[in-house]
Amino acid sequence: MFFAALGVLLGAVLGWIVYDPVFGALQSPIEAAHDAGRTAALNFEGVATSFDIRIRVALFVGILVSSPWWLYQAWAFVKPGLTRRERRNALGFFAAGVPLFLAGAAVAWLFLPHAVLLLTEFTPADAVNFISALSYLQFVMQLVLAFGIAFLLPLAMVALTSLGLVRGSTWGRGWRWAVLLVFTFAAVATPTPDALSMILLALPICGLYFGALGACLYLDRRKDRRAAALTVADGATGDGAP
C-alpha cells in the first residue's frame, strides 16, 4: 500500500505540473459549445474552488498514469500465495486489464465533447449556462470510470470461467440479456439524447462480450477434454472401478 500510494503521489505531482494543458483539454468541450452558439462557461463558486479543482485534477491524473504501478503492487502482494499456474493466469489478467481500462477511458474522452455539445442544447435561448466547475469535473470522472469499468466486464467473465465458477455455456445462454444490459448501460452512461452515441458505445462492449464468450467456451472445451482424459486414465488403471 505504501509503494502504491507513493506511485499515485508521484503521478499527482506530474498532474500538478501539467495542470494547465490538462484543464485546457477538459475545458475545450465547454468552449466548443460556446463557439457553437451556446452561452456556456465554467463557474468557480468559492475562493478556494480553483485550488480544489487543481488538487482533484492532479490526483485524477496521478491515478490514471500510475495505474500500471499500483495494479502491479496489488499483484506483487498476492503473488507469494499463488501457485505457478495461478501466477501466470493472474499476470495475464493484469496485462489485459490495464489496456482495457485505458481503452474505455479513451472512448469516454472521445464522447465527452459530443455529450457536452448535445446537453447544452437544452439551455433556453434567453438563459446562460454557468456550469459548476466541481460538478463538471465530477461528471467527467464518472464518465471515464464508467467506460473504463465497462471495458473490464468481459475480463471478469473470463476470470470467473477460468476459476470454474461460471461455465462459458452459461454466458452463452444469457447473451440476449447481456446485449440488453449493454445497451441499457450505454443509454445511461452516455448522457446524450441521440441513439448514435448509445450505439457507438454499445457496439465495442458487445464485441468485447462475444470475444470473452469465445474465450470462455474455449476454456470449457479444454476443461472437458482434460476431465475426459483423466476419466479414461482412471478406467485404464482400474482406479475408477468400484
C-alpha atoms as a PDB file:
ATOM      1  CA  MET A   1       0.000   0.000   0.000  1.00  0.00           C
ATOM      2  CA  PHE A   2       2.882   2.349   0.740  1.00  0.00           C
ATOM      3  CA  PHE A   3       4.538   1.859  -2.658  1.00  0.00           C
ATOM      4  CA  ALA A   4       1.161   2.096  -4.411  1.00  0.00           C
ATOM      5  CA  ALA A   5       0.359   5.359  -2.616  1.00  0.00           C
ATOM      6  CA  LEU A   6       3.840   6.643  -3.433  1.00  0.00           C
ATOM      7  CA  GLY A   7       3.241   5.936  -7.116  1.00  0.00           C
ATOM      8  CA  VAL A   8      -0.088   7.786  -7.025  1.00  0.00           C
ATOM      9  CA  LEU A   9       1.589  10.688  -5.241  1.00  0.00           C
ATOM     10  CA  LEU A  10       4.330  10.937  -7.867  1.00  0.00           C
ATOM     11  CA  GLY A  11       1.676  10.766 -10.578  1.00  0.00           C
ATOM     12  CA  ALA A  12      -0.231  13.550  -8.803  1.00  0.00           C
ATOM     13  CA  VAL A  13       2.928  15.683  -8.817  1.00  0.00           C
ATOM     14  CA  LEU A  14       3.068  15.190 -12.571  1.00  0.00           C
ATOM     15  CA  GLY A  15      -0.628  16.059 -12.759  1.00  0.00           C
ATOM     16  CA  TRP A  16       0.060  19.271 -10.802  1.00  0.00           C
ATOM     17  CA  ILE A  17       2.814  20.219 -13.256  1.00  0.00           C
ATOM     18  CA  VAL A  18       0.737  19.575 -16.373  1.00  0.00           C
ATOM     19  CA  TYR A  19      -2.446  21.036 -14.861  1.00  0.00           C
ATOM     20  CA  ASP A  20      -2.769  23.909 -17.343  1.00  0.00           C
ATOM     21  CA  PRO A  21      -2.836  21.793 -20.536  1.00  0.00           C
ATOM     22  CA  VAL A  22      -4.983  19.121 -18.850  1.00  0.00           C
ATOM     23  CA  PHE A  23      -7.532  21.654 -17.634  1.00  0.00           C
ATOM     24  CA  GLY A  24      -7.453  23.305 -21.050  1.00  0.00           C
ATOM     25  CA  ALA A  25      -8.354  19.949 -22.591  1.00  0.00           C
ATOM     26  CA  LEU A  26     -11.118  19.454 -20.021  1.00  0.00           C
ATOM     27  CA  GLN A  27     -12.488  22.924 -20.718  1.00  0.00           C
ATOM     28  CA  SER A  28     -12.331  22.592 -24.515  1.00  0.00           C
ATOM     29  CA  PRO A  29     -15.794  20.908 -24.823  1.00  0.00           C
ATOM     30  CA  ILE A  30     -17.325  23.862 -22.939  1.00  0.00           C
ATOM     31  CA  GLU A  31     -15.514  26.309 -25.221  1.00  0.00           C
ATOM     32  CA  ALA A  32     -16.645  24.354 -28.280  1.00  0.00           C
ATOM     33  CA  ALA A  33     -20.246  24.554 -27.060  1.00  0.00           C
ATOM     34  CA  HIS A  34     -19.836  28.310 -26.554  1.00  0.00           C
ATOM     35  CA  ASP A  35     -18.406  28.736 -30.053  1.00  0.00           C
ATOM     36  CA  ALA A  36     -21.349  26.755 -31.430  1.00  0.00           C
ATOM     37  CA  GLY A  37     -23.752  29.387 -30.128  1.00  0.00           C
ATOM     38  CA  ARG A  38     -24.494  28.056 -26.630  1.00  0.00           C
ATOM     39  CA  THR A  39     -23.751  30.515 -23.851  1.00  0.00           C
ATOM     40  CA  ALA A  40     -21.771  28.189 -21.588  1.00  0.00           C
ATOM     41  CA  ALA A  41     -18.855  28.696 -19.216  1.00  0.00           C
ATOM     42  CA  LEU A  42     -17.342  27.057 -16.159  1.00  0.00           C
ATOM     43  CA  ASN A  43     -18.119  28.753 -12.862  1.00  0.00           C
ATOM     44  CA  PHE A  44     -15.747  28.714  -9.860  1.00  0.00           C
ATOM     45  CA  GLU A  45     -18.116  29.377  -6.968  1.00  0.00           C
ATOM     46  CA  GLY A  46     -15.813  29.832  -3.974  1.00  0.00           C
ATOM     47  CA  VAL A  47     -12.496  31.487  -3.228  1.00  0.00           C
ATOM     48  CA  ALA A  48     -10.705  28.144  -2.840  1.00  0.00           C
ATOM     49  CA  THR A  49     -12.554  26.373  -5.663  1.00  0.00           C
ATOM     50  CA  SER A  50      -9.752  26.873  -8.171  1.00  0.00           C
ATOM     51  CA  PHE A  51      -7.233  25.345  -5.741  1.00  0.00           C
ATOM     52  CA  ASP A  52      -9.607  22.465  -5.005  1.00  0.00           C
ATOM     53  CA  ILE A  53     -10.034  21.819  -8.735  1.00  0.00           C
ATOM     54  CA  ARG A  54      -6.267  21.743  -9.233  1.00  0.00           C
ATOM     55  CA  ILE A  55      -5.847  19.205  -6.420  1.00  0.00           C
ATOM     56  CA  ARG A  56      -8.618  16.983  -7.828  1.00  0.00           C
ATOM     57  CA  VAL A  57      -7.267  17.125 -11.370  1.00  0.00           C
ATOM     58  CA  ALA A  58      -3.750  16.333 -10.155  1.00  0.00           C
ATOM     59  CA  LEU A  59      -4.990  13.308  -8.185  1.00  0.00           C
ATOM     60  CA  PHE A  60      -7.118  12.140 -11.101  1.00  0.00           C
ATOM     61  CA  VAL A  61      -4.145  12.343 -13.464  1.00  0.00           C
ATOM     62  CA  GLY A  62      -1.972  10.625 -10.855  1.00  0.00           C
ATOM     63  CA  ILE A  63      -4.365   7.699 -10.503  1.00  0.00           C
ATOM     64  CA  LEU A  64      -4.607   7.258 -14.262  1.00  0.00           C
ATOM     65  CA  VAL A  65      -0.910   7.488 -15.132  1.00  0.00           C
ATOM     66  CA  SER A  66       0.179   5.358 -12.181  1.00  0.00           C
ATOM     67  CA  SER A  67      -2.479   2.659 -12.698  1.00  0.00           C
ATOM     68  CA  PRO A  68       0.046   0.088 -14.044  1.00  0.00           C
ATOM     69  CA  TRP A  69       2.240   0.691 -10.988  1.00  0.00           C
ATOM     70  CA  TRP A  70      -0.385   0.373  -8.236  1.00  0.00           C
ATOM     71  CA  LEU A  71      -2.011  -2.567 -10.009  1.00  0.00           C
ATOM     72  CA  TYR A  72       1.399  -4.234 -10.101  1.00  0.00           C
ATOM     73  CA  GLN A  73       1.800  -3.607  -6.365  1.00  0.00           C
ATOM     74  CA  ALA A  74      -1.525  -5.376  -5.766  1.00  0.00           C
ATOM     75  CA  TRP A  75      -0.284  -8.261  -7.918  1.00  0.00           C
ATOM     76  CA  ALA A  76       3.052  -8.378  -6.054  1.00  0.00           C
ATOM     77  CA  PHE A  77       1.204  -8.533  -2.724  1.00  0.00           C
ATOM     78  CA  VAL A  78      -0.803 -11.652  -3.601  1.00  0.00           C
ATOM     79  CA  LYS A  79       1.900 -13.286  -5.747  1.00  0.00           C
ATOM     80  CA  PRO A  80       3.668 -15.236  -2.930  1.00  0.00           C
ATOM     81  CA  GLY A  81       0.425 -17.050  -2.075  1.00  0.00           C
ATOM     82  CA  LEU A  82      -0.287 -18.230  -5.611  1.00  0.00           C
ATOM     83  CA  THR A  83       0.804 -21.350  -7.442  1.00  0.00           C
ATOM     84  CA  ARG A  84       2.809 -21.086 -10.649  1.00  0.00           C
ATOM     85  CA  ARG A  85      -0.303 -21.575 -12.779  1.00  0.00           C
ATOM     86  CA  GLU A  86      -2.290 -19.055 -10.761  1.00  0.00           C
ATOM     87  CA  ARG A  87       0.530 -16.536 -11.114  1.00  0.00           C
ATOM     88  CA  ARG A  88       0.544 -16.984 -14.881  1.00  0.00           C
ATOM     89  CA  ASN A  89      -3.228 -16.539 -15.106  1.00  0.00           C
ATOM     90  CA  ALA A  90      -3.267 -13.522 -12.791  1.00  0.00           C
ATOM     91  CA  LEU A  91      -0.430 -11.885 -14.713  1.00  0.00           C
ATOM     92  CA  GLY A  92      -2.380 -12.399 -17.945  1.00  0.00           C
ATOM     93  CA  PHE A  93      -5.463 -10.755 -16.445  1.00  0.00           C
ATOM     94  CA  PHE A  94      -3.330  -7.860 -15.203  1.00  0.00           C
ATOM     95  CA  ALA A  95      -1.710  -7.430 -18.620  1.00  0.00           C
ATOM     96  CA  ALA A  96      -5.130  -7.363 -20.298  1.00  0.00           C
ATOM     97  CA  GLY A  97      -6.905  -5.269 -17.650  1.00  0.00           C
ATOM     98  CA  VAL A  98      -4.729  -2.163 -17.845  1.00  0.00           C
ATOM     99  CA  PRO A  99      -5.077  -1.566 -21.620  1.00  0.00           C
ATOM    100  CA  LEU A 100      -8.795  -2.411 -21.489  1.00  0.00           C
ATOM    101  CA  PHE A 101      -9.421   0.155 -18.756  1.00  0.00           C
ATOM    102  CA  LEU A 102      -7.358   2.784 -20.569  1.00  0.00           C
ATOM    103  CA  ALA A 103      -9.217   1.996 -23.804  1.00  0.00           C
ATOM    104  CA  GLY A 104     -12.527   2.587 -22.039  1.00  0.00           C
ATOM    105  CA  ALA A 105     -11.216   5.877 -20.632  1.00  0.00           C
ATOM    106  CA  ALA A 106     -10.103   6.913 -24.134  1.00  0.00           C
ATOM    107  CA  VAL A 107     -13.558   6.157 -25.551  1.00  0.00           C
ATOM    108  CA  ALA A 108     -15.121   8.249 -22.766  1.00  0.00           C
ATOM    109  CA  TRP A 109     -12.798  11.124 -23.647  1.00  0.00           C
ATOM    110  CA  LEU A 110     -13.881  10.904 -27.292  1.00  0.00           C
ATOM    111  CA  PHE A 111     -17.554  11.031 -26.232  1.00  0.00           C
ATOM    112  CA  LEU A 112     -17.126  13.973 -23.855  1.00  0.00           C
ATOM    113  CA  PRO A 113     -17.263  16.866 -26.398  1.00  0.00           C
ATOM    114  CA  HIS A 114     -20.258  15.322 -28.128  1.00  0.00           C
ATOM    115  CA  ALA A 115     -22.058  14.889 -24.792  1.00  0.00           C
ATOM    116  CA  VAL A 116     -21.421  18.480 -23.671  1.00  0.00           C
ATOM    117  CA  LEU A 117     -22.494  19.882 -27.029  1.00  0.00           C
ATOM    118  CA  LEU A 118     -25.784  17.995 -27.007  1.00  0.00           C
ATOM    119  CA  LEU A 119     -26.619  18.599 -23.353  1.00  0.00           C
ATOM    120  CA  THR A 120     -26.121  22.359 -23.606  1.00  0.00           C
ATOM    121  CA  GLU A 121     -28.699  22.461 -26.419  1.00  0.00           C
ATOM    122  CA  PHE A 122     -31.421  22.232 -23.754  1.00  0.00           C
ATOM    123  CA  THR A 123     -30.484  25.616 -22.305  1.00  0.00           C
ATOM    124  CA  PRO A 124     -33.240  28.146 -23.121  1.00  0.00           C
ATOM    125  CA  ALA A 125     -32.349  30.848 -25.619  1.00  0.00           C
ATOM    126  CA  ASP A 126     -32.639  33.649 -23.077  1.00  0.00           C
ATOM    127  CA  ALA A 127     -30.666  31.854 -20.340  1.00  0.00           C
ATOM    128  CA  VAL A 128     -26.967  31.489 -19.572  1.00  0.00           C
ATOM    129  CA  ASN A 129     -25.451  28.102 -18.726  1.00  0.00           C
ATOM    130  CA  PHE A 130     -22.893  28.690 -15.973  1.00  0.00           C
ATOM    131  CA  ILE A 131     -21.649  25.175 -15.158  1.00  0.00           C
ATOM    132  CA  SER A 132     -20.166  24.461 -11.743  1.00  0.00           C
ATOM    133  CA  ALA A 133     -16.507  23.541 -12.204  1.00  0.00           C
ATOM    134  CA  LEU A 134     -16.694  20.916  -9.453  1.00  0.00           C
ATOM    135  CA  SER A 135     -19.838  19.352 -10.879  1.00  0.00           C
ATOM    136  CA  TYR A 136     -18.330  19.311 -14.366  1.00  0.00           C
ATOM    137  CA  LEU A 137     -15.142  17.644 -13.119  1.00  0.00           C
ATOM    138  CA  GLN A 138     -17.202  15.040 -11.241  1.00  0.00           C
ATOM    139  CA  PHE A 139     -19.216  14.418 -14.412  1.00  0.00           C
ATOM    140  CA  VAL A 140     -16.029  13.824 -16.430  1.00  0.00           C
ATOM    141  CA  MET A 141     -14.563  11.492 -13.789  1.00  0.00           C
ATOM    142  CA  GLN A 142     -17.743   9.435 -13.557  1.00  0.00           C
ATOM    143  CA  LEU A 143     -17.913   9.160 -17.334  1.00  0.00           C
ATOM    144  CA  VAL A 144     -14.296   7.985 -17.582  1.00  0.00           C
ATOM    145  CA  LEU A 145     -14.649   5.483 -14.732  1.00  0.00           C
ATOM    146  CA  ALA A 146     -17.956   4.122 -16.077  1.00  0.00           C
ATOM    147  CA  PHE A 147     -16.462   3.486 -19.502  1.00  0.00           C
ATOM    148  CA  GLY A 148     -13.269   2.008 -18.051  1.00  0.00           C
ATOM    149  CA  ILE A 149     -15.167  -0.421 -15.803  1.00  0.00           C
ATOM    150  CA  ALA A 150     -17.491  -1.368 -18.657  1.00  0.00           C
ATOM    151  CA  PHE A 151     -14.487  -2.414 -20.735  1.00  0.00           C
ATOM    152  CA  LEU A 152     -13.296  -4.623 -17.845  1.00  0.00           C
ATOM    153  CA  LEU A 153     -16.502  -6.663 -17.583  1.00  0.00           C
ATOM    154  CA  PRO A 154     -15.513  -9.168 -20.339  1.00  0.00           C
ATOM    155  CA  LEU A 155     -12.271  -9.778 -18.472  1.00  0.00           C
ATOM    156  CA  ALA A 156     -14.304 -10.591 -15.344  1.00  0.00           C
ATOM    157  CA  MET A 157     -16.259 -13.145 -17.411  1.00  0.00           C
ATOM    158  CA  VAL A 158     -13.070 -14.944 -18.430  1.00  0.00           C
ATOM    159  CA  ALA A 159     -11.766 -14.813 -14.858  1.00  0.00           C
ATOM    160  CA  LEU A 160     -14.928 -16.396 -13.419  1.00  0.00           C
ATOM    161  CA  THR A 161     -14.859 -19.132 -16.062  1.00  0.00           C
ATOM    162  CA  SER A 162     -11.166 -19.751 -15.504  1.00  0.00           C
ATOM    163  CA  LEU A 163     -11.840 -20.199 -11.783  1.00  0.00           C
ATOM    164  CA  GLY A 164     -14.621 -22.685 -12.547  1.00  0.00           C
ATOM    165  CA  LEU A 165     -17.350 -20.540 -11.002  1.00  0.00           C
ATOM    166  CA  VAL A 166     -19.331 -19.979 -14.222  1.00  0.00           C
ATOM    167  CA  ARG A 167     -19.246 -22.082 -17.383  1.00  0.00           C
ATOM    168  CA  GLY A 168     -18.960 -20.461 -20.779  1.00  0.00           C
ATOM    169  CA  SER A 169     -22.186 -22.119 -21.871  1.00  0.00           C
ATOM    170  CA  THR A 170     -23.961 -20.199 -19.095  1.00  0.00           C
ATOM    171  CA  TRP A 171     -22.678 -16.919 -20.517  1.00  0.00           C
ATOM    172  CA  GLY A 172     -23.766 -18.105 -23.956  1.00  0.00           C
ATOM    173  CA  ARG A 173     -27.332 -18.850 -22.892  1.00  0.00           C
ATOM    174  CA  GLY A 174     -27.687 -15.354 -21.492  1.00  0.00           C
ATOM    175  CA  TRP A 175     -26.288 -13.458 -24.482  1.00  0.00           C
ATOM    176  CA  ARG A 176     -29.639 -11.772 -25.209  1.00  0.00           C
ATOM    177  CA  TRP A 177     -29.844 -10.414 -21.670  1.00  0.00           C
ATOM    178  CA  ALA A 178     -26.213  -9.351 -21.907  1.00  0.00           C
ATOM    179  CA  VAL A 179     -26.852  -7.358 -25.083  1.00  0.00           C
ATOM    180  CA  LEU A 180     -29.908  -5.756 -23.470  1.00  0.00           C
ATOM    181  CA  LEU A 181     -27.891  -4.809 -20.368  1.00  0.00           C
ATOM    182  CA  VAL A 182     -25.056  -3.427 -22.505  1.00  0.00           C
ATOM    183  CA  PHE A 183     -27.411  -1.167 -24.439  1.00  0.00           C
ATOM    184  CA  THR A 184     -29.126  -0.115 -21.192  1.00  0.00           C
ATOM    185  CA  PHE A 185     -25.750   0.749 -19.681  1.00  0.00           C
ATOM    186  CA  ALA A 186     -24.790   2.643 -22.833  1.00  0.00           C
ATOM    187  CA  ALA A 187     -28.027   4.621 -22.676  1.00  0.00           C
ATOM    188  CA  VAL A 188     -27.325   5.603 -19.051  1.00  0.00           C
ATOM    189  CA  ALA A 189     -23.562   6.162 -19.411  1.00  0.00           C
ATOM    190  CA  THR A 190     -23.908   8.448 -22.436  1.00  0.00           C
ATOM    191  CA  PRO A 191     -25.860  11.467 -21.182  1.00  0.00           C
ATOM    192  CA  THR A 192     -26.965  12.399 -24.692  1.00  0.00           C
ATOM    193  CA  PRO A 193     -30.439  12.156 -26.237  1.00  0.00           C
ATOM    194  CA  ASP A 194     -29.293  10.722 -29.575  1.00  0.00           C
ATOM    195  CA  ALA A 195     -29.243   6.994 -30.321  1.00  0.00           C
ATOM    196  CA  LEU A 196     -25.970   7.181 -32.256  1.00  0.00           C
ATOM    197  CA  SER A 197     -23.869   7.783 -29.134  1.00  0.00           C
ATOM    198  CA  MET A 198     -25.524   4.855 -27.370  1.00  0.00           C
ATOM    199  CA  ILE A 199     -24.911   2.540 -30.339  1.00  0.00           C
ATOM    200  CA  LEU A 200     -21.292   3.625 -30.776  1.00  0.00           C
ATOM    201  CA  LEU A 201     -20.620   2.820 -27.125  1.00  0.00           C
ATOM    202  CA  ALA A 202     -22.633  -0.412 -27.026  1.00  0.00           C
ATOM    203  CA  LEU A 203     -21.090  -1.984 -30.139  1.00  0.00           C
ATOM    204  CA  PRO A 204     -17.484  -2.221 -28.867  1.00  0.00           C
ATOM    205  CA  ILE A 205     -18.688  -3.527 -25.486  1.00  0.00           C
ATOM    206  CA  CYS A 206     -20.806  -6.149 -27.268  1.00  0.00           C
ATOM    207  CA  GLY A 207     -17.759  -7.055 -29.342  1.00  0.00           C
ATOM    208  CA  LEU A 208     -15.716  -7.493 -26.174  1.00  0.00           C
ATOM    209  CA  TYR A 209     -18.518  -9.572 -24.650  1.00  0.00           C
ATOM    210  CA  PHE A 210     -18.679 -12.001 -27.563  1.00  0.00           C
ATOM    211  CA  GLY A 211     -14.889 -12.171 -27.695  1.00  0.00           C
ATOM    212  CA  ALA A 212     -14.869 -13.076 -23.997  1.00  0.00           C
ATOM    213  CA  LEU A 213     -17.660 -15.578 -24.648  1.00  0.00           C
ATOM    214  CA  GLY A 214     -15.498 -17.311 -27.258  1.00  0.00           C
ATOM    215  CA  ALA A 215     -12.610 -17.461 -24.778  1.00  0.00           C
ATOM    216  CA  CYS A 216     -14.916 -18.894 -22.084  1.00  0.00           C
ATOM    217  CA  LEU A 217     -16.233 -21.578 -24.442  1.00  0.00           C
ATOM    218  CA  TYR A 218     -12.650 -22.492 -25.333  1.00  0.00           C
ATOM    219  CA  LEU A 219     -11.826 -22.830 -21.621  1.00  0.00           C
ATOM    220  CA  ASP A 220     -14.888 -25.081 -21.228  1.00  0.00           C
ATOM    221  CA  ARG A 221     -13.755 -27.384 -24.027  1.00  0.00           C
ATOM    222  CA  ARG A 222     -10.244 -27.569 -22.654  1.00  0.00           C
ATOM    223  CA  LYS A 223     -11.501 -28.435 -19.165  1.00  0.00           C
ATOM    224  CA  ASP A 224     -13.884 -31.050 -20.587  1.00  0.00           C
ATOM    225  CA  ARG A 225     -11.086 -32.686 -22.603  1.00  0.00           C
ATOM    226  CA  ARG A 226      -8.860 -32.749 -19.530  1.00  0.00           C
ATOM    227  CA  ALA A 227     -11.633 -34.282 -17.409  1.00  0.00           C
ATOM    228  CA  ALA A 228     -12.352 -36.884 -20.103  1.00  0.00           C
ATOM    229  CA  ALA A 229      -8.653 -37.772 -20.335  1.00  0.00           C
ATOM    230  CA  LEU A 230      -8.464 -38.249 -16.560  1.00  0.00           C
ATOM    231  CA  THR A 231     -11.581 -40.467 -16.638  1.00  0.00           C
ATOM    232  CA  VAL A 232     -10.067 -42.653 -19.380  1.00  0.00           C
ATOM    233  CA  ALA A 233      -6.785 -42.847 -17.492  1.00  0.00           C
ATOM    234  CA  ASP A 234      -8.560 -43.850 -14.285  1.00  0.00           C
ATOM    235  CA  GLY A 235     -10.538 -46.518 -16.150  1.00  0.00           C
ATOM    236  CA  ALA A 236      -7.393 -47.903 -17.776  1.00  0.00           C
ATOM    237  CA  THR A 237      -5.588 -48.219 -14.447  1.00  0.00           C
ATOM    238  CA  GLY A 238      -8.644 -49.572 -12.634  1.00  0.00           C
ATOM    239  CA  ASP A 239      -8.737 -46.686 -10.191  1.00  0.00           C
ATOM    240  CA  GLY A 240     -12.270 -45.856 -11.162  1.00  0.00           C
ATOM    241  CA  ALA A 241     -13.558 -49.396 -10.575  1.00  0.00           C
ATOM    242  CA  PRO A 242     -15.805 -49.981  -7.523  1.00  0.00           C
END
